[in-house]
């Protein structure tokens, strides 16, 4: 895994996304803003003050991320502030239900 270059990973990811979503109009040049590659077993969010509760009357980023963005939904244990299976399942279930509602 460490010997594979970021460029090779990006190429593979783009090809897989085109293979899965190309017939629905997916265009990687248009539809991918960036690809984050973590070379460890899980992602980790270091939440700044305001991530979970908001600041200055603005909604918390975690709440913003729980709302669909067009036809994209986000589900990750970090939205609950815990890196464990329980919150991951809860957030994934919520995001899947939101995605189904969009259909």
PDB file of N, CA and C in Angstrom:
ATOM      1  N   UNK A   1       0.820  -1.192   0.000  1.00  0.00           N
ATOM      2  CA  UNK A   1       0.000   0.000   0.000  1.00  0.00           C
ATOM      3  C   UNK A   1       0.869   1.263   0.000  1.00  0.00           C
ATOM      4  N   UNK A   2       1.924   1.271   0.791  1.00  0.00           N
ATOM      5  CA  UNK A   2       2.774   2.458   0.861  1.00  0.00           C
ATOM      6  C   UNK A   2       3.613   2.637  -0.395  1.00  0.00           C
ATOM      7  N   UNK A   3       3.840   1.559  -1.136  1.00  0.00           N
ATOM      8  CA  UNK A   3       4.655   1.649  -2.345  1.00  0.00           C
ATOM      9  C   UNK A   3       3.862   2.199  -3.532  1.00  0.00           C
ATOM     10  N   UNK A   4       2.537   2.196  -3.448  1.00  0.00           N
ATOM     11  CA  UNK A   4       1.710   2.715  -4.539  1.00  0.00           C
ATOM     12  C   UNK A   4       1.669   4.237  -4.449  1.00  0.00           C
ATOM     13  N   UNK A   5       1.898   4.911  -5.559  1.00  0.00           N
ATOM     14  CA  UNK A   5       1.920   6.371  -5.547  1.00  0.00           C
ATOM     15  C   UNK A   5       0.506   6.936  -5.438  1.00  0.00           C
ATOM     16  N   UNK A   6       0.413   8.156  -4.961  1.00  0.00           N
ATOM     17  CA  UNK A   6      -0.880   8.840  -4.908  1.00  0.00           C
ATOM     18  C   UNK A   6      -1.485   8.936  -6.317  1.00  0.00           C
ATOM     19  N   UNK A   7      -0.653   9.207  -7.290  1.00  0.00           N
ATOM     20  CA  UNK A   7      -1.128   9.313  -8.676  1.00  0.00           C
ATOM     21  C   UNK A   7      -1.764   8.005  -9.136  1.00  0.00           C
ATOM     22  N   UNK A   8      -1.126   6.878  -8.803  1.00  0.00           N
ATOM     23  CA  UNK A   8      -1.692   5.576  -9.181  1.00  0.00           C
ATOM     24  C   UNK A   8      -3.026   5.332  -8.477  1.00  0.00           C
ATOM     25  N   UNK A   9      -3.102   5.677  -7.193  1.00  0.00           N
ATOM     26  CA  UNK A   9      -4.374   5.535  -6.476  1.00  0.00           C
ATOM     27  C   UNK A   9      -5.454   6.409  -7.113  1.00  0.00           C
ATOM     28  N   UNK A  10      -5.100   7.659  -7.403  1.00  0.00           N
ATOM     29  CA  UNK A  10      -6.076   8.574  -7.990  1.00  0.00           C
ATOM     30  C   UNK A  10      -6.568   8.043  -9.341  1.00  0.00           C
ATOM     31  N   UNK A  11      -5.664   7.558 -10.143  1.00  0.00           N
ATOM     32  CA  UNK A  11      -6.041   7.004 -11.451  1.00  0.00           C
ATOM     33  C   UNK A  11      -6.987   5.825 -11.273  1.00  0.00           C
ATOM     34  N   UNK A  12      -6.665   4.932 -10.352  1.00  0.00           N
ATOM     35  CA  UNK A  12      -7.519   3.765 -10.110  1.00  0.00           C
ATOM     36  C   UNK A  12      -8.896   4.185  -9.595  1.00  0.00           C
ATOM     37  N   UNK A  13      -8.940   5.134  -8.692  1.00  0.00           N
ATOM     38  CA  UNK A  13     -10.215   5.608  -8.133  1.00  0.00           C
ATOM     39  C   UNK A  13     -11.064   6.241  -9.228  1.00  0.00           C
ATOM     40  N   UNK A  14     -10.457   7.099 -10.041  1.00  0.00           N
ATOM     41  CA  UNK A  14     -11.202   7.735 -11.130  1.00  0.00           C
ATOM     42  C   UNK A  14     -11.757   6.697 -12.106  1.00  0.00           C
ATOM     43  N   UNK A  15     -10.946   5.716 -12.466  1.00  0.00           N
ATOM     44  CA  UNK A  15     -11.396   4.671 -13.393  1.00  0.00           C
ATOM     45  C   UNK A  15     -12.558   3.870 -12.799  1.00  0.00           C
ATOM     46  N   UNK A  16     -12.453   3.537 -11.517  1.00  0.00           N
ATOM     47  CA  UNK A  16     -13.523   2.776 -10.874  1.00  0.00           C
ATOM     48  C   UNK A  16     -14.815   3.578 -10.807  1.00  0.00           C
ATOM     49  N   UNK A  17     -14.710   4.868 -10.500  1.00  0.00           N
ATOM     50  CA  UNK A  17     -15.907   5.706 -10.435  1.00  0.00           C
ATOM     51  C   UNK A  17     -16.562   5.840 -11.804  1.00  0.00           C
ATOM     52  N   UNK A  18     -15.752   5.987 -12.847  1.00  0.00           N
ATOM     53  CA  UNK A  18     -16.300   6.064 -14.205  1.00  0.00           C
ATOM     54  C   UNK A  18     -16.973   4.742 -14.563  1.00  0.00           C
ATOM     55  N   UNK A  19     -16.352   3.639 -14.202  1.00  0.00           N
ATOM     56  CA  UNK A  19     -16.928   2.326 -14.496  1.00  0.00           C
ATOM     57  C   UNK A  19     -18.268   2.150 -13.784  1.00  0.00           C
ATOM     58  N   UNK A  20     -18.351   2.608 -12.534  1.00  0.00           N
ATOM     59  CA  UNK A  20     -19.587   2.443 -11.756  1.00  0.00           C
ATOM     60  C   UNK A  20     -20.657   3.462 -12.122  1.00  0.00           C
ATOM     61  N   UNK A  21     -20.250   4.703 -12.386  1.00  0.00           N
ATOM     62  CA  UNK A  21     -21.212   5.794 -12.500  1.00  0.00           C
ATOM     63  C   UNK A  21     -21.253   6.473 -13.871  1.00  0.00           C
ATOM     64  N   UNK A  22     -20.365   6.068 -14.765  1.00  0.00           N
ATOM     65  CA  UNK A  22     -20.268   6.729 -16.067  1.00  0.00           C
ATOM     66  C   UNK A  22     -21.552   6.712 -16.869  1.00  0.00           C
ATOM     67  N   UNK A  23     -22.274   5.613 -16.823  1.00  0.00           N
ATOM     68  CA  UNK A  23     -23.515   5.513 -17.603  1.00  0.00           C
ATOM     69  C   UNK A  23     -24.590   6.462 -17.083  1.00  0.00           C
ATOM     70  N   UNK A  24     -24.426   6.943 -15.858  1.00  0.00           N
ATOM     71  CA  UNK A  24     -25.388   7.891 -15.278  1.00  0.00           C
ATOM     72  C   UNK A  24     -24.939   9.335 -15.507  1.00  0.00           C
ATOM     73  N   UNK A  25     -23.854   9.522 -16.259  1.00  0.00           N
ATOM     74  CA  UNK A  25     -23.402  10.870 -16.580  1.00  0.00           C
ATOM     75  C   UNK A  25     -22.241  11.372 -15.747  1.00  0.00           C
ATOM     76  N   UNK A  26     -21.661  10.497 -14.918  1.00  0.00           N
ATOM     77  CA  UNK A  26     -20.532  10.912 -14.087  1.00  0.00           C
ATOM     78  C   UNK A  26     -19.343  11.289 -14.958  1.00  0.00           C
ATOM     79  N   UNK A  27     -18.766  12.443 -14.681  1.00  0.00           N
ATOM     80  CA  UNK A  27     -17.585  12.938 -15.389  1.00  0.00           C
ATOM     81  C   UNK A  27     -16.554  13.323 -14.338  1.00  0.00           C
ATOM     82  N   UNK A  28     -15.456  12.579 -14.199  1.00  0.00           N
ATOM     83  CA  UNK A  28     -14.504  12.867 -13.132  1.00  0.00           C
ATOM     84  C   UNK A  28     -13.912  14.276 -13.202  1.00  0.00           C
ATOM     85  N   UNK A  29     -13.711  14.797 -14.381  1.00  0.00           N
ATOM     86  CA  UNK A  29     -13.160  16.156 -14.508  1.00  0.00           C
ATOM     87  C   UNK A  29     -14.123  17.188 -13.928  1.00  0.00           C
ATOM     88  N   UNK A  30     -15.402  16.935 -14.079  1.00  0.00           N
ATOM     89  CA  UNK A  30     -16.422  17.866 -13.603  1.00  0.00           C
ATOM     90  C   UNK A  30     -16.868  17.545 -12.175  1.00  0.00           C
ATOM     91  N   UNK A  31     -16.952  16.260 -11.830  1.00  0.00           N
ATOM     92  CA  UNK A  31     -17.617  15.836 -10.609  1.00  0.00           C
ATOM     93  C   UNK A  31     -16.706  15.552  -9.425  1.00  0.00           C
ATOM     94  N   UNK A  32     -15.410  15.523  -9.624  1.00  0.00           N
ATOM     95  CA  UNK A  32     -14.482  15.287  -8.508  1.00  0.00           C
ATOM     96  C   UNK A  32     -13.753  16.584  -8.197  1.00  0.00           C
ATOM     97  N   UNK A  33     -13.977  17.102  -6.996  1.00  0.00           N
ATOM     98  CA  UNK A  33     -13.269  18.305  -6.560  1.00  0.00           C
ATOM     99  C   UNK A  33     -11.905  17.936  -5.993  1.00  0.00           C
ATOM    100  N   UNK A  34     -11.796  16.768  -5.400  1.00  0.00           N
ATOM    101  CA  UNK A  34     -10.540  16.328  -4.825  1.00  0.00           C
ATOM    102  C   UNK A  34     -10.700  14.926  -4.272  1.00  0.00           C
ATOM    103  N   UNK A  35      -9.607  14.224  -4.153  1.00  0.00           N
ATOM    104  CA  UNK A  35      -9.607  12.878  -3.589  1.00  0.00           C
ATOM    105  C   UNK A  35      -8.666  12.888  -2.393  1.00  0.00           C
ATOM    106  N   UNK A  36      -9.176  12.439  -1.266  1.00  0.00           N
ATOM    107  CA  UNK A  36      -8.367  12.345  -0.048  1.00  0.00           C
ATOM    108  C   UNK A  36      -7.979  10.889   0.138  1.00  0.00           C
ATOM    109  N   UNK A  37      -6.719  10.635   0.287  1.00  0.00           N
ATOM    110  CA  UNK A  37      -6.230   9.270   0.479  1.00  0.00           C
ATOM    111  C   UNK A  37      -5.542   9.189   1.832  1.00  0.00           C
ATOM    112  N   UNK A  38      -6.094   8.388   2.708  1.00  0.00           N
ATOM    113  CA  UNK A  38      -5.490   8.144   4.018  1.00  0.00           C
ATOM    114  C   UNK A  38      -4.778   6.806   3.974  1.00  0.00           C
ATOM    115  N   UNK A  39      -3.543   6.795   4.325  1.00  0.00           N
ATOM    116  CA  UNK A  39      -2.774   5.545   4.293  1.00  0.00           C
ATOM    117  C   UNK A  39      -2.732   4.885   5.668  1.00  0.00           C
ATOM    118  N   UNK A  40      -3.780   5.041   6.404  1.00  0.00           N
ATOM    119  CA  UNK A  40      -3.894   4.308   7.663  1.00  0.00           C
ATOM    120  C   UNK A  40      -5.289   3.698   7.705  1.00  0.00           C
ATOM    121  N   UNK A  41      -5.570   2.926   8.712  1.00  0.00           N
ATOM    122  CA  UNK A  41      -6.785   2.136   8.753  1.00  0.00           C
ATOM    123  C   UNK A  41      -8.089   2.904   8.831  1.00  0.00           C
ATOM    124  N   UNK A  42      -8.036   4.153   9.207  1.00  0.00           N
ATOM    125  CA  UNK A  42      -9.264   4.932   9.307  1.00  0.00           C
ATOM    126  C   UNK A  42      -8.930   6.408   9.189  1.00  0.00           C
ATOM    127  N   UNK A  43      -9.948   7.173   8.883  1.00  0.00           N
ATOM    128  CA  UNK A  43      -9.772   8.624   8.825  1.00  0.00           C
ATOM    129  C   UNK A  43      -9.929   9.185  10.229  1.00  0.00           C
ATOM    130  N   UNK A  44      -9.392  10.332  10.458  1.00  0.00           N
ATOM    131  CA  UNK A  44      -9.503  10.965  11.763  1.00  0.00           C
ATOM    132  C   UNK A  44      -9.751  12.450  11.555  1.00  0.00           C
ATOM    133  N   UNK A  45     -10.792  12.936  12.164  1.00  0.00           N
ATOM    134  CA  UNK A  45     -11.090  14.364  12.101  1.00  0.00           C
ATOM    135  C   UNK A  45     -10.670  14.989  13.421  1.00  0.00           C
ATOM    136  N   UNK A  46      -9.816  15.973  13.351  1.00  0.00           N
ATOM    137  CA  UNK A  46      -9.465  16.742  14.547  1.00  0.00           C
ATOM    138  C   UNK A  46     -10.393  17.942  14.544  1.00  0.00           C
ATOM    139  N   UNK A  47     -11.445  17.826  15.312  1.00  0.00           N
ATOM    140  CA  UNK A  47     -12.498  18.842  15.280  1.00  0.00           C
ATOM    141  C   UNK A  47     -12.067  20.109  16.008  1.00  0.00           C
ATOM    142  N   UNK A  48     -12.169  21.213  15.318  1.00  0.00           N
ATOM    143  CA  UNK A  48     -11.870  22.511  15.908  1.00  0.00           C
ATOM    144  C   UNK A  48     -13.059  22.967  16.741  1.00  0.00           C
ATOM    145  N   UNK A  49     -12.854  23.928  17.621  1.00  0.00           N
ATOM    146  CA  UNK A  49     -13.987  24.459  18.386  1.00  0.00           C
ATOM    147  C   UNK A  49     -15.096  24.910  17.436  1.00  0.00           C
ATOM    148  N   UNK A  50     -16.320  24.519  17.746  1.00  0.00           N
ATOM    149  CA  UNK A  50     -17.458  24.881  16.921  1.00  0.00           C
ATOM    150  C   UNK A  50     -17.888  23.786  15.969  1.00  0.00           C
ATOM    151  N   UNK A  51     -17.072  22.719  15.792  1.00  0.00           N
ATOM    152  CA  UNK A  51     -17.424  21.674  14.840  1.00  0.00           C
ATOM    153  C   UNK A  51     -18.700  20.951  15.259  1.00  0.00           C
ATOM    154  N   UNK A  52     -18.853  20.696  16.546  1.00  0.00           N
ATOM    155  CA  UNK A  52     -20.013  19.940  17.010  1.00  0.00           C
ATOM    156  C   UNK A  52     -21.169  20.831  17.447  1.00  0.00           C
ATOM    157  N   UNK A  53     -20.896  22.078  17.811  1.00  0.00           N
ATOM    158  CA  UNK A  53     -21.953  22.921  18.365  1.00  0.00           C
ATOM    159  C   UNK A  53     -22.153  24.242  17.633  1.00  0.00           C
ATOM    160  N   UNK A  54     -21.305  24.560  16.698  1.00  0.00           N
ATOM    161  CA  UNK A  54     -21.438  25.818  15.967  1.00  0.00           C
ATOM    162  C   UNK A  54     -20.835  26.988  16.723  1.00  0.00           C
ATOM    163  N   UNK A  55     -20.670  28.093  16.014  1.00  0.00           N
ATOM    164  CA  UNK A  55     -20.081  29.303  16.586  1.00  0.00           C
ATOM    165  C   UNK A  55     -20.822  30.511  16.024  1.00  0.00           C
ATOM    166  N   UNK A  56     -21.020  31.513  16.860  1.00  0.00           N
ATOM    167  CA  UNK A  56     -21.628  32.786  16.439  1.00  0.00           C
ATOM    168  C   UNK A  56     -22.971  32.606  15.736  1.00  0.00           C
ATOM    169  N   UNK A  57     -23.786  31.697  16.246  1.00  0.00           N
ATOM    170  CA  UNK A  57     -25.114  31.495  15.692  1.00  0.00           C
ATOM    171  C   UNK A  57     -25.166  30.706  14.392  1.00  0.00           C
ATOM    172  N   UNK A  58     -24.013  30.286  13.900  1.00  0.00           N
ATOM    173  CA  UNK A  58     -23.974  29.492  12.668  1.00  0.00           C
ATOM    174  C   UNK A  58     -24.131  28.016  13.019  1.00  0.00           C
ATOM    175  N   UNK A  59     -24.721  27.240  12.114  1.00  0.00           N
ATOM    176  CA  UNK A  59     -24.855  25.811  12.410  1.00  0.00           C
ATOM    177  C   UNK A  59     -23.482  25.141  12.456  1.00  0.00           C
ATOM    178  N   UNK A  60     -23.400  24.117  13.251  1.00  0.00           N
ATOM    179  CA  UNK A  60     -22.155  23.358  13.349  1.00  0.00           C
ATOM    180  C   UNK A  60     -21.873  22.666  12.017  1.00  0.00           C
ATOM    181  N   UNK A  61     -20.609  22.594  11.590  1.00  0.00           N
ATOM    182  CA  UNK A  61     -20.282  21.888  10.357  1.00  0.00           C
ATOM    183  C   UNK A  61     -20.818  20.457  10.337  1.00  0.00           C
ATOM    184  N   UNK A  62     -20.814  19.797  11.504  1.00  0.00           N
ATOM    185  CA  UNK A  62     -21.336  18.435  11.540  1.00  0.00           C
ATOM    186  C   UNK A  62     -22.811  18.398  11.153  1.00  0.00           C
ATOM    187  N   UNK A  63     -23.577  19.421  11.508  1.00  0.00           N
ATOM    188  CA  UNK A  63     -24.986  19.489  11.122  1.00  0.00           C
ATOM    189  C   UNK A  63     -25.138  19.813   9.636  1.00  0.00           C
ATOM    190  N   UNK A  64     -24.281  20.683   9.128  1.00  0.00           N
ATOM    191  CA  UNK A  64     -24.312  21.012   7.698  1.00  0.00           C
ATOM    192  C   UNK A  64     -24.011  19.758   6.879  1.00  0.00           C
ATOM    193  N   UNK A  65     -23.037  18.975   7.335  1.00  0.00           N
ATOM    194  CA  UNK A  65     -22.661  17.760   6.607  1.00  0.00           C
ATOM    195  C   UNK A  65     -23.731  16.681   6.667  1.00  0.00           C
ATOM    196  N   UNK A  66     -24.607  16.750   7.628  1.00  0.00           N
ATOM    197  CA  UNK A  66     -25.693  15.764   7.723  1.00  0.00           C
ATOM    198  C   UNK A  66     -26.816  16.049   6.725  1.00  0.00           C
ATOM    199  N   UNK A  67     -26.792  17.195   6.087  1.00  0.00           N
ATOM    200  CA  UNK A  67     -27.817  17.536   5.099  1.00  0.00           C
ATOM    201  C   UNK A  67     -27.288  17.183   3.704  1.00  0.00           C
ATOM    202  N   UNK A  68     -28.143  16.612   2.855  1.00  0.00           N
ATOM    203  CA  UNK A  68     -27.691  16.269   1.507  1.00  0.00           C
ATOM    204  C   UNK A  68     -27.186  17.500   0.750  1.00  0.00           C
ATOM    205  N   UNK A  69     -26.200  17.282  -0.082  1.00  0.00           N
ATOM    206  CA  UNK A  69     -25.675  18.308  -0.968  1.00  0.00           C
ATOM    207  C   UNK A  69     -26.015  17.851  -2.377  1.00  0.00           C
ATOM    208  N   UNK A  70     -27.101  18.381  -2.915  1.00  0.00           N
ATOM    209  CA  UNK A  70     -27.606  17.858  -4.184  1.00  0.00           C
ATOM    210  C   UNK A  70     -28.053  16.429  -3.971  1.00  0.00           C
ATOM    211  N   UNK A  71     -27.462  15.497  -4.724  1.00  0.00           N
ATOM    212  CA  UNK A  71     -27.816  14.098  -4.543  1.00  0.00           C
ATOM    213  C   UNK A  71     -26.720  13.318  -3.818  1.00  0.00           C
ATOM    214  N   UNK A  72     -25.874  14.025  -3.074  1.00  0.00           N
ATOM    215  CA  UNK A  72     -24.795  13.402  -2.305  1.00  0.00           C
ATOM    216  C   UNK A  72     -25.126  13.506  -0.824  1.00  0.00           C
ATOM    217  N   UNK A  73     -24.960  12.388  -0.113  1.00  0.00           N
ATOM    218  CA  UNK A  73     -25.146  12.391   1.337  1.00  0.00           C
ATOM    219  C   UNK A  73     -23.854  11.933   2.001  1.00  0.00           C
ATOM    220  N   UNK A  74     -23.641  12.367   3.223  1.00  0.00           N
ATOM    221  CA  UNK A  74     -22.416  12.057   3.948  1.00  0.00           C
ATOM    222  C   UNK A  74     -22.750  11.298   5.224  1.00  0.00           C
ATOM    223  N   UNK A  75     -22.042  10.232   5.482  1.00  0.00           N
ATOM    224  CA  UNK A  75     -22.204   9.486   6.715  1.00  0.00           C
ATOM    225  C   UNK A  75     -20.844   9.038   7.213  1.00  0.00           C
ATOM    226  N   UNK A  76     -20.498   9.424   8.414  1.00  0.00           N
ATOM    227  CA  UNK A  76     -19.197   9.067   8.970  1.00  0.00           C
ATOM    228  C   UNK A  76     -19.286   9.145  10.480  1.00  0.00           C
ATOM    229  N   UNK A  77     -18.598   8.265  11.158  1.00  0.00           N
ATOM    230  CA  UNK A  77     -18.649   8.248  12.621  1.00  0.00           C
ATOM    231  C   UNK A  77     -18.183   9.564  13.227  1.00  0.00           C
ATOM    232  N   UNK A  78     -17.305  10.277  12.546  1.00  0.00           N
ATOM    233  CA  UNK A  78     -16.798  11.538  13.071  1.00  0.00           C
ATOM    234  C   UNK A  78     -17.902  12.577  13.263  1.00  0.00           C
ATOM    235  N   UNK A  79     -18.991  12.470  12.513  1.00  0.00           N
ATOM    236  CA  UNK A  79     -20.078  13.425  12.671  1.00  0.00           C
ATOM    237  C   UNK A  79     -20.699  13.330  14.055  1.00  0.00           C
ATOM    238  N   UNK A  80     -20.565  12.175  14.685  1.00  0.00           N
ATOM    239  CA  UNK A  80     -21.085  11.985  16.041  1.00  0.00           C
ATOM    240  C   UNK A  80     -20.007  12.254  17.091  1.00  0.00           C
ATOM    241  N   UNK A  81     -18.781  12.478  16.651  1.00  0.00           N
ATOM    242  CA  UNK A  81     -17.694  12.766  17.577  1.00  0.00           C
ATOM    243  C   UNK A  81     -17.013  11.533  18.130  1.00  0.00           C
ATOM    244  N   UNK A  82     -17.336  10.376  17.584  1.00  0.00           N
ATOM    245  CA  UNK A  82     -16.736   9.129  18.063  1.00  0.00           C
ATOM    246  C   UNK A  82     -16.238   8.306  16.885  1.00  0.00           C
ATOM    247  N   UNK A  83     -15.098   7.700  17.057  1.00  0.00           N
ATOM    248  CA  UNK A  83     -14.542   6.856  15.998  1.00  0.00           C
ATOM    249  C   UNK A  83     -14.772   5.403  16.378  1.00  0.00           C
ATOM    250  N   UNK A  84     -15.997   4.958  16.230  1.00  0.00           N
ATOM    251  CA  UNK A  84     -16.299   3.573  16.544  1.00  0.00           C
ATOM    252  C   UNK A  84     -17.433   3.085  15.657  1.00  0.00           C
ATOM    253  N   UNK A  85     -17.668   1.780  15.704  1.00  0.00           N
ATOM    254  CA  UNK A  85     -18.636   1.160  14.803  1.00  0.00           C
ATOM    255  C   UNK A  85     -20.056   1.657  15.029  1.00  0.00           C
ATOM    256  N   UNK A  86     -20.462   1.843  16.275  1.00  0.00           N
ATOM    257  CA  UNK A  86     -21.830   2.259  16.565  1.00  0.00           C
ATOM    258  C   UNK A  86     -22.218   3.555  15.867  1.00  0.00           C
ATOM    259  N   UNK A  87     -21.481   4.640  16.116  1.00  0.00           N
ATOM    260  CA  UNK A  87     -21.793   5.887  15.424  1.00  0.00           C
ATOM    261  C   UNK A  87     -21.639   5.779  13.907  1.00  0.00           C
ATOM    262  N   UNK A  88     -20.706   4.972  13.445  1.00  0.00           N
ATOM    263  CA  UNK A  88     -20.529   4.800  11.998  1.00  0.00           C
ATOM    264  C   UNK A  88     -21.786   4.180  11.389  1.00  0.00           C
ATOM    265  N   UNK A  89     -22.344   3.178  12.051  1.00  0.00           N
ATOM    266  CA  UNK A  89     -23.558   2.535  11.548  1.00  0.00           C
ATOM    267  C   UNK A  89     -24.725   3.521  11.584  1.00  0.00           C
ATOM    268  N   UNK A  90     -24.848   4.253  12.676  1.00  0.00           N
ATOM    269  CA  UNK A  90     -25.940   5.226  12.811  1.00  0.00           C
ATOM    270  C   UNK A  90     -25.867   6.294  11.727  1.00  0.00           C
ATOM    271  N   UNK A  91     -24.682   6.876  11.536  1.00  0.00           N
ATOM    272  CA  UNK A  91     -24.520   7.921  10.528  1.00  0.00           C
ATOM    273  C   UNK A  91     -24.668   7.351   9.115  1.00  0.00           C
ATOM    274  N   UNK A  92     -24.154   6.149   8.879  1.00  0.00           N
ATOM    275  CA  UNK A  92     -24.306   5.521   7.570  1.00  0.00           C
ATOM    276  C   UNK A  92     -25.763   5.223   7.249  1.00  0.00           C
ATOM    277  N   UNK A  93     -26.505   4.761   8.245  1.00  0.00           N
ATOM    278  CA  UNK A  93     -27.934   4.492   8.064  1.00  0.00           C
ATOM    279  C   UNK A  93     -28.677   5.777   7.723  1.00  0.00           C
ATOM    280  N   UNK A  94     -28.375   6.842   8.452  1.00  0.00           N
ATOM    281  CA  UNK A  94     -29.019   8.130   8.188  1.00  0.00           C
ATOM    282  C   UNK A  94     -28.730   8.598   6.770  1.00  0.00           C
ATOM    283  N   UNK A  95     -27.459   8.530   6.371  1.00  0.00           N
ATOM    284  CA  UNK A  95     -27.073   8.989   5.030  1.00  0.00           C
ATOM    285  C   UNK A  95     -27.720   8.127   3.949  1.00  0.00           C
ATOM    286  N   UNK A  96     -27.801   6.821   4.170  1.00  0.00           N
ATOM    287  CA  UNK A  96     -28.434   5.938   3.190  1.00  0.00           C
ATOM    288  C   UNK A  96     -29.919   6.254   3.053  1.00  0.00           C
ATOM    289  N   UNK A  97     -30.585   6.505   4.175  1.00  0.00           N
ATOM    290  CA  UNK A  97     -32.012   6.842   4.129  1.00  0.00           C
ATOM    291  C   UNK A  97     -32.220   8.183   3.401  1.00  0.00           C
ATOM    292  N   UNK A  98     -31.329   9.134   3.634  1.00  0.00           N
ATOM    293  CA  UNK A  98     -31.430  10.407   2.922  1.00  0.00           C
ATOM    294  C   UNK A  98     -31.243  10.180   1.410  1.00  0.00           C
ATOM    295  N   UNK A  99     -30.277   9.358   1.049  1.00  0.00           N
ATOM    296  CA  UNK A  99     -30.029   9.093  -0.369  1.00  0.00           C
ATOM    297  C   UNK A  99     -31.237   8.415  -1.010  1.00  0.00           C
ATOM    298  N   UNK A 100     -31.859   7.486  -0.307  1.00  0.00           N
ATOM    299  CA  UNK A 100     -33.047   6.819  -0.843  1.00  0.00           C
ATOM    300  C   UNK A 100     -34.201   7.799  -0.995  1.00  0.00           C
ATOM    301  N   UNK A 101     -34.307   8.748  -0.074  1.00  0.00           N
ATOM    302  CA  UNK A 101     -35.383   9.743  -0.154  1.00  0.00           C
ATOM    303  C   UNK A 101     -35.202  10.652  -1.374  1.00  0.00           C
ATOM    304  N   UNK A 102     -33.967  10.853  -1.793  1.00  0.00           N
ATOM    305  CA  UNK A 102     -33.702  11.701  -2.950  1.00  0.00           C
ATOM    306  C   UNK A 102     -34.168  11.018  -4.230  1.00  0.00           C
ATOM    307  N   UNK A 103     -34.073   9.694  -4.249  1.00  0.00           N
ATOM    308  CA  UNK A 103     -34.495   8.941  -5.436  1.00  0.00           C
ATOM    309  C   UNK A 103     -35.972   9.143  -5.642  1.00  0.00           C
TER     310      UNK A 103
END
